[in-house]
Amino acid sequence: MSIDWSWIGDHTDDLTSLTLSHLQAALTAVLLGVLISLPLAVLAHRVRPLRGFLLGLSNILFTIPSIAIFVLLLPVTGLTRTTTVIGLTVYTLVVLLRNTVEGLDSVPARTKEAAVAMGTRPLRTLLTVEFPLALPVIMAGVRIATVMSISLVSVATYIGDGGLGQLFTDGFQRDFPTPVIAGVVLTILLAVVADAALVALQYVLTPWRRRRA
């Protein structure tokens, strides 16, 4: 399978535009997933009867095929980027919600009790004690959700969006492998770079782990 390098050179602007569009869709979905999953995870962690319901609901949503979610959203949001982002956000929730709950569960009870004994209010304890200590587990979920979202953006090609996925459709329809190869390589590079950036972010946000090491 050969690559037409002249085609890549002639379509550099298009490749750049599709890559940025692909990344924007994935990161927006992850950001929304984080904003939704954090309060739900706190609720599941604090109110045990809701834990099974929320985690079970997220698992059920995850079993819906991605194309089906996009099709179900079409009557509401149409052939827009909003449809893509909502669909991807649904898939991030199962990972982000579970990891955030597990991260909060991993915080030692004695640590929380010490904060309470010092007169720290519950909200401040959550923000300054529980979340920081749970951050490594939460970030692991964010990394998985980010890589997953980057890979799933291409599915949105079937509704007229899809970022780099448009290269796959174009290549298959014309029986021209170069766009397909370019799309695959750029998608992999996006996932690797995004994951490395999140590892660096976690390193910056957890200085106490560096000191302990």
C-alpha atoms as a PDB file:
ATOM      1  CA  MET A   1       0.000   0.000   0.000  1.00  0.00           C
ATOM      2  CA  SER A   2       1.782   3.112  -1.271  1.00  0.00           C
ATOM      3  CA  ILE A   3       1.388   6.698  -0.119  1.00  0.00           C
ATOM      4  CA  ASP A   4       1.000   9.583  -2.545  1.00  0.00           C
ATOM      5  CA  TRP A   5       3.193  12.132  -0.807  1.00  0.00           C
ATOM      6  CA  SER A   6       2.294  14.816  -3.350  1.00  0.00           C
ATOM      7  CA  TRP A   7      -1.364  14.542  -2.271  1.00  0.00           C
ATOM      8  CA  ILE A   8      -0.351  15.133   1.363  1.00  0.00           C
ATOM      9  CA  GLY A   9       1.701  18.159   0.354  1.00  0.00           C
ATOM     10  CA  ASP A  10      -1.192  19.588  -1.655  1.00  0.00           C
ATOM     11  CA  HIS A  11      -3.685  19.095   1.189  1.00  0.00           C
ATOM     12  CA  THR A  12      -1.655  20.311   4.184  1.00  0.00           C
ATOM     13  CA  ASP A  13      -4.172  23.033   5.010  1.00  0.00           C
ATOM     14  CA  ASP A  14      -7.073  20.577   4.872  1.00  0.00           C
ATOM     15  CA  LEU A  15      -5.230  18.086   7.085  1.00  0.00           C
ATOM     16  CA  THR A  16      -4.463  20.799   9.630  1.00  0.00           C
ATOM     17  CA  SER A  17      -8.065  22.016   9.666  1.00  0.00           C
ATOM     18  CA  LEU A  18      -9.465  18.481  10.087  1.00  0.00           C
ATOM     19  CA  THR A  19      -6.947  17.694  12.842  1.00  0.00           C
ATOM     20  CA  LEU A  20      -7.884  20.811  14.822  1.00  0.00           C
ATOM     21  CA  SER A  21     -11.587  20.099  14.334  1.00  0.00           C
ATOM     22  CA  HIS A  22     -11.067  16.507  15.481  1.00  0.00           C
ATOM     23  CA  LEU A  23      -9.179  17.608  18.582  1.00  0.00           C
ATOM     24  CA  GLN A  24     -11.709  20.298  19.437  1.00  0.00           C
ATOM     25  CA  ALA A  25     -14.607  17.825  19.374  1.00  0.00           C
ATOM     26  CA  ALA A  26     -12.774  15.287  21.544  1.00  0.00           C
ATOM     27  CA  LEU A  27     -11.517  17.760  24.151  1.00  0.00           C
ATOM     28  CA  THR A  28     -14.878  19.537  24.409  1.00  0.00           C
ATOM     29  CA  ALA A  29     -16.569  16.212  25.115  1.00  0.00           C
ATOM     30  CA  VAL A  30     -14.004  15.288  27.773  1.00  0.00           C
ATOM     31  CA  LEU A  31     -14.297  18.698  29.438  1.00  0.00           C
ATOM     32  CA  LEU A  32     -18.085  18.422  29.576  1.00  0.00           C
ATOM     33  CA  GLY A  33     -17.752  14.851  30.832  1.00  0.00           C
ATOM     34  CA  VAL A  34     -15.507  16.021  33.673  1.00  0.00           C
ATOM     35  CA  LEU A  35     -17.887  18.846  34.628  1.00  0.00           C
ATOM     36  CA  ILE A  36     -20.836  16.426  34.712  1.00  0.00           C
ATOM     37  CA  SER A  37     -19.075  13.485  36.352  1.00  0.00           C
ATOM     38  CA  LEU A  38     -17.483  15.384  39.270  1.00  0.00           C
ATOM     39  CA  PRO A  39     -20.712  16.392  41.062  1.00  0.00           C
ATOM     40  CA  LEU A  40     -22.333  13.045  40.216  1.00  0.00           C
ATOM     41  CA  ALA A  41     -19.327  11.189  41.624  1.00  0.00           C
ATOM     42  CA  VAL A  42     -19.443  13.218  44.848  1.00  0.00           C
ATOM     43  CA  LEU A  43     -23.133  12.404  45.122  1.00  0.00           C
ATOM     44  CA  ALA A  44     -22.488   8.696  44.494  1.00  0.00           C
ATOM     45  CA  HIS A  45     -19.649   8.727  47.017  1.00  0.00           C
ATOM     46  CA  ARG A  46     -21.627  10.486  49.748  1.00  0.00           C
ATOM     47  CA  VAL A  47     -25.071   8.925  49.136  1.00  0.00           C
ATOM     48  CA  ARG A  48     -24.402   5.203  48.870  1.00  0.00           C
ATOM     49  CA  PRO A  49     -27.920   4.188  47.681  1.00  0.00           C
ATOM     50  CA  LEU A  50     -27.368   6.331  44.566  1.00  0.00           C
ATOM     51  CA  ARG A  51     -23.979   4.802  43.794  1.00  0.00           C
ATOM     52  CA  GLY A  52     -25.257   1.663  42.095  1.00  0.00           C
ATOM     53  CA  PHE A  53     -27.936   3.576  40.186  1.00  0.00           C
ATOM     54  CA  LEU A  54     -25.569   6.210  38.764  1.00  0.00           C
ATOM     55  CA  LEU A  55     -22.820   3.755  37.852  1.00  0.00           C
ATOM     56  CA  GLY A  56     -25.347   1.359  36.371  1.00  0.00           C
ATOM     57  CA  LEU A  57     -26.945   4.127  34.308  1.00  0.00           C
ATOM     58  CA  SER A  58     -23.561   5.176  32.922  1.00  0.00           C
ATOM     59  CA  ASN A  59     -22.822   1.551  32.004  1.00  0.00           C
ATOM     60  CA  ILE A  60     -26.132   1.256  30.170  1.00  0.00           C
ATOM     61  CA  LEU A  61     -25.442   4.421  28.180  1.00  0.00           C
ATOM     62  CA  PHE A  62     -22.017   3.034  27.265  1.00  0.00           C
ATOM     63  CA  THR A  63     -23.595  -0.065  25.681  1.00  0.00           C
ATOM     64  CA  ILE A  64     -25.543   2.017  23.130  1.00  0.00           C
ATOM     65  CA  PRO A  65     -23.720   1.919  19.754  1.00  0.00           C
ATOM     66  CA  SER A  66     -22.135   5.258  18.947  1.00  0.00           C
ATOM     67  CA  ILE A  67     -23.886   5.562  15.589  1.00  0.00           C
ATOM     68  CA  ALA A  68     -27.228   4.927  17.302  1.00  0.00           C
ATOM     69  CA  ILE A  69     -26.609   7.768  19.759  1.00  0.00           C
ATOM     70  CA  PHE A  70     -25.842  10.177  16.929  1.00  0.00           C
ATOM     71  CA  VAL A  71     -28.964   9.078  15.026  1.00  0.00           C
ATOM     72  CA  LEU A  72     -31.154   9.481  18.127  1.00  0.00           C
ATOM     73  CA  LEU A  73     -29.805  13.003  18.628  1.00  0.00           C
ATOM     74  CA  LEU A  74     -30.366  14.113  15.034  1.00  0.00           C
ATOM     75  CA  PRO A  75     -34.038  15.125  15.465  1.00  0.00           C
ATOM     76  CA  VAL A  76     -33.022  17.345  18.380  1.00  0.00           C
ATOM     77  CA  THR A  77     -29.653  18.843  17.467  1.00  0.00           C
ATOM     78  CA  GLY A  78     -29.462  18.094  13.740  1.00  0.00           C
ATOM     79  CA  LEU A  79     -26.337  17.666  11.629  1.00  0.00           C
ATOM     80  CA  THR A  80     -24.212  19.847  13.879  1.00  0.00           C
ATOM     81  CA  ARG A  81     -21.086  19.653  16.007  1.00  0.00           C
ATOM     82  CA  THR A  82     -23.409  19.686  19.040  1.00  0.00           C
ATOM     83  CA  THR A  83     -24.627  16.188  18.096  1.00  0.00           C
ATOM     84  CA  THR A  84     -21.054  14.940  17.956  1.00  0.00           C
ATOM     85  CA  VAL A  85     -20.072  16.477  21.288  1.00  0.00           C
ATOM     86  CA  ILE A  86     -23.152  15.215  23.140  1.00  0.00           C
ATOM     87  CA  GLY A  87     -22.654  11.701  21.815  1.00  0.00           C
ATOM     88  CA  LEU A  88     -18.991  11.651  22.810  1.00  0.00           C
ATOM     89  CA  THR A  89     -19.742  13.133  26.224  1.00  0.00           C
ATOM     90  CA  VAL A  90     -22.116  10.262  26.968  1.00  0.00           C
ATOM     91  CA  TYR A  91     -19.296   7.787  26.351  1.00  0.00           C
ATOM     92  CA  THR A  92     -16.832   9.632  28.567  1.00  0.00           C
ATOM     93  CA  LEU A  93     -19.163   9.503  31.567  1.00  0.00           C
ATOM     94  CA  VAL A  94     -18.805   5.783  32.241  1.00  0.00           C
ATOM     95  CA  VAL A  95     -15.021   6.107  32.607  1.00  0.00           C
ATOM     96  CA  LEU A  96     -14.906   9.484  34.322  1.00  0.00           C
ATOM     97  CA  LEU A  97     -17.717   8.754  36.785  1.00  0.00           C
ATOM     98  CA  ARG A  98     -16.350   5.390  37.880  1.00  0.00           C
ATOM     99  CA  ASN A  99     -12.766   6.616  38.244  1.00  0.00           C
ATOM    100  CA  THR A 100     -13.802   9.703  40.189  1.00  0.00           C
ATOM    101  CA  VAL A 101     -15.874   7.611  42.597  1.00  0.00           C
ATOM    102  CA  GLU A 102     -13.008   5.158  43.044  1.00  0.00           C
ATOM    103  CA  GLY A 103     -10.594   8.047  43.566  1.00  0.00           C
ATOM    104  CA  LEU A 104     -12.750   9.540  46.307  1.00  0.00           C
ATOM    105  CA  ASP A 105     -13.141   6.103  47.882  1.00  0.00           C
ATOM    106  CA  SER A 106      -9.352   5.748  47.989  1.00  0.00           C
ATOM    107  CA  VAL A 107      -8.891   8.799  50.229  1.00  0.00           C
ATOM    108  CA  PRO A 108      -8.014   7.493  53.736  1.00  0.00           C
ATOM    109  CA  ALA A 109     -10.791   8.032  56.263  1.00  0.00           C
ATOM    110  CA  ARG A 110      -8.260   9.217  58.854  1.00  0.00           C
ATOM    111  CA  THR A 111      -7.164  12.011  56.550  1.00  0.00           C
ATOM    112  CA  LYS A 112     -10.714  13.288  56.208  1.00  0.00           C
ATOM    113  CA  GLU A 113     -11.290  12.931  59.936  1.00  0.00           C
ATOM    114  CA  ALA A 114      -8.156  14.966  60.634  1.00  0.00           C
ATOM    115  CA  ALA A 115      -9.403  17.738  58.359  1.00  0.00           C
ATOM    116  CA  VAL A 116     -12.767  17.764  60.129  1.00  0.00           C
ATOM    117  CA  ALA A 117     -11.034  17.816  63.538  1.00  0.00           C
ATOM    118  CA  MET A 118      -9.122  20.905  62.439  1.00  0.00           C
ATOM    119  CA  GLY A 119     -12.441  22.649  61.768  1.00  0.00           C
ATOM    120  CA  THR A 120     -12.334  22.412  57.973  1.00  0.00           C
ATOM    121  CA  ARG A 121     -15.762  22.715  56.405  1.00  0.00           C
ATOM    122  CA  PRO A 122     -17.040  19.814  54.245  1.00  0.00           C
ATOM    123  CA  LEU A 123     -16.785  21.709  50.955  1.00  0.00           C
ATOM    124  CA  ARG A 124     -13.251  22.857  51.687  1.00  0.00           C
ATOM    125  CA  THR A 125     -12.292  19.341  52.758  1.00  0.00           C
ATOM    126  CA  LEU A 126     -13.613  18.055  49.444  1.00  0.00           C
ATOM    127  CA  LEU A 127     -11.736  20.644  47.395  1.00  0.00           C
ATOM    128  CA  THR A 128      -8.456  20.792  49.322  1.00  0.00           C
ATOM    129  CA  VAL A 129      -8.119  17.250  50.670  1.00  0.00           C
ATOM    130  CA  GLU A 130     -10.276  14.676  48.904  1.00  0.00           C
ATOM    131  CA  PHE A 131      -9.988  15.826  45.289  1.00  0.00           C
ATOM    132  CA  PRO A 132      -6.200  16.371  45.418  1.00  0.00           C
ATOM    133  CA  LEU A 133      -5.618  12.917  46.929  1.00  0.00           C
ATOM    134  CA  ALA A 134      -8.026  11.339  44.437  1.00  0.00           C
ATOM    135  CA  LEU A 135      -6.444  13.201  41.509  1.00  0.00           C
ATOM    136  CA  PRO A 136      -4.165  10.366  40.255  1.00  0.00           C
ATOM    137  CA  VAL A 137      -7.122   7.997  39.896  1.00  0.00           C
ATOM    138  CA  ILE A 138      -9.296  10.735  38.373  1.00  0.00           C
ATOM    139  CA  MET A 139      -6.567  11.655  35.875  1.00  0.00           C
ATOM    140  CA  ALA A 140      -6.252   8.021  34.848  1.00  0.00           C
ATOM    141  CA  GLY A 141      -9.917   8.165  33.884  1.00  0.00           C
ATOM    142  CA  VAL A 142      -9.438  11.461  32.063  1.00  0.00           C
ATOM    143  CA  ARG A 143      -6.594   9.946  30.033  1.00  0.00           C
ATOM    144  CA  ILE A 144      -8.689   6.949  29.043  1.00  0.00           C
ATOM    145  CA  ALA A 145     -11.687   9.131  28.199  1.00  0.00           C
ATOM    146  CA  THR A 146      -9.541  11.458  26.086  1.00  0.00           C
ATOM    147  CA  VAL A 147      -7.964   8.698  24.018  1.00  0.00           C
ATOM    148  CA  MET A 148     -11.378   7.035  23.625  1.00  0.00           C
ATOM    149  CA  SER A 149     -12.988  10.299  22.479  1.00  0.00           C
ATOM    150  CA  ILE A 150     -10.247  10.950  19.938  1.00  0.00           C
ATOM    151  CA  SER A 151     -10.822   7.507  18.452  1.00  0.00           C
ATOM    152  CA  LEU A 152     -14.634   7.900  18.407  1.00  0.00           C
ATOM    153  CA  VAL A 153     -14.792  11.314  16.742  1.00  0.00           C
ATOM    154  CA  SER A 154     -14.335   9.616  13.372  1.00  0.00           C
ATOM    155  CA  VAL A 155     -17.668   7.805  13.789  1.00  0.00           C
ATOM    156  CA  ALA A 156     -19.429  11.164  13.518  1.00  0.00           C
ATOM    157  CA  THR A 157     -18.487  11.179   9.831  1.00  0.00           C
ATOM    158  CA  TYR A 158     -21.802   9.401   9.255  1.00  0.00           C
ATOM    159  CA  ILE A 159     -23.672  12.568  10.307  1.00  0.00           C
ATOM    160  CA  GLY A 160     -21.487  14.938   8.318  1.00  0.00           C
ATOM    161  CA  ASP A 161     -18.954  15.672  11.049  1.00  0.00           C
ATOM    162  CA  GLY A 162     -16.058  13.513  12.214  1.00  0.00           C
ATOM    163  CA  GLY A 163     -12.854  15.492  11.804  1.00  0.00           C
ATOM    164  CA  LEU A 164     -10.186  13.172  10.472  1.00  0.00           C
ATOM    165  CA  GLY A 165     -12.837  10.521   9.885  1.00  0.00           C
ATOM    166  CA  GLN A 166     -13.736  12.374   6.693  1.00  0.00           C
ATOM    167  CA  LEU A 167     -10.409  11.210   5.305  1.00  0.00           C
ATOM    168  CA  PHE A 168     -11.430   7.594   5.853  1.00  0.00           C
ATOM    169  CA  THR A 169     -14.697   8.066   3.958  1.00  0.00           C
ATOM    170  CA  ASP A 170     -12.979   9.941   1.152  1.00  0.00           C
ATOM    171  CA  GLY A 171     -10.273   7.306   0.787  1.00  0.00           C
ATOM    172  CA  PHE A 172     -12.651   4.349   0.814  1.00  0.00           C
ATOM    173  CA  GLN A 173     -15.072   5.924  -1.643  1.00  0.00           C
ATOM    174  CA  ARG A 174     -12.290   6.678  -4.142  1.00  0.00           C
ATOM    175  CA  ASP A 175     -10.313   3.506  -3.393  1.00  0.00           C
ATOM    176  CA  PHE A 176      -7.398   5.837  -2.625  1.00  0.00           C
ATOM    177  CA  PRO A 177      -5.438   4.717   0.472  1.00  0.00           C
ATOM    178  CA  THR A 178      -3.414   7.881   1.104  1.00  0.00           C
ATOM    179  CA  PRO A 179      -6.178   9.841   2.913  1.00  0.00           C
ATOM    180  CA  VAL A 180      -6.996   6.756   4.999  1.00  0.00           C
ATOM    181  CA  ILE A 181      -3.381   6.298   6.061  1.00  0.00           C
ATOM    182  CA  ALA A 182      -3.007  10.016   6.786  1.00  0.00           C
ATOM    183  CA  GLY A 183      -6.168   9.960   8.906  1.00  0.00           C
ATOM    184  CA  VAL A 184      -5.036   6.927  10.896  1.00  0.00           C
ATOM    185  CA  VAL A 185      -1.561   8.340  11.547  1.00  0.00           C
ATOM    186  CA  LEU A 186      -2.862  11.754  12.595  1.00  0.00           C
ATOM    187  CA  THR A 187      -5.481  10.194  14.895  1.00  0.00           C
ATOM    188  CA  ILE A 188      -2.813   8.082  16.605  1.00  0.00           C
ATOM    189  CA  LEU A 189      -0.522  11.098  16.951  1.00  0.00           C
ATOM    190  CA  LEU A 190      -3.345  13.140  18.489  1.00  0.00           C
ATOM    191  CA  ALA A 191      -4.030  10.403  21.036  1.00  0.00           C
ATOM    192  CA  VAL A 192      -0.343  10.056  21.952  1.00  0.00           C
ATOM    193  CA  VAL A 193       0.231  13.807  22.268  1.00  0.00           C
ATOM    194  CA  ALA A 194      -2.965  14.332  24.290  1.00  0.00           C
ATOM    195  CA  ASP A 195      -2.089  11.496  26.655  1.00  0.00           C
ATOM    196  CA  ALA A 196       1.448  12.830  27.132  1.00  0.00           C
ATOM    197  CA  ALA A 197       0.054  16.303  27.849  1.00  0.00           C
ATOM    198  CA  LEU A 198      -2.264  14.891  30.516  1.00  0.00           C
ATOM    199  CA  VAL A 199       0.616  12.982  32.125  1.00  0.00           C
ATOM    200  CA  ALA A 200       2.567  16.256  32.273  1.00  0.00           C
ATOM    201  CA  LEU A 201      -0.464  18.045  33.726  1.00  0.00           C
ATOM    202  CA  GLN A 202      -0.836  15.418  36.437  1.00  0.00           C
ATOM    203  CA  TYR A 203       2.876  15.761  37.224  1.00  0.00           C
ATOM    204  CA  VAL A 204       2.428  19.508  37.720  1.00  0.00           C
ATOM    205  CA  LEU A 205      -0.745  19.147  39.793  1.00  0.00           C
ATOM    206  CA  THR A 206       0.659  16.545  42.206  1.00  0.00           C
ATOM    207  CA  PRO A 207       3.914  18.014  43.577  1.00  0.00           C
ATOM    208  CA  TRP A 208       3.618  15.961  46.787  1.00  0.00           C
ATOM    209  CA  ARG A 209       4.046  12.759  44.792  1.00  0.00           C
ATOM    210  CA  ARG A 210       7.309  14.104  43.357  1.00  0.00           C
ATOM    211  CA  ARG A 211       8.618  14.971  46.801  1.00  0.00           C
ATOM    212  CA  ARG A 212       7.682  11.524  48.093  1.00  0.00           C
ATOM    213  CA  ALA A 213       9.435   9.898  45.144  1.00  0.00           C
END
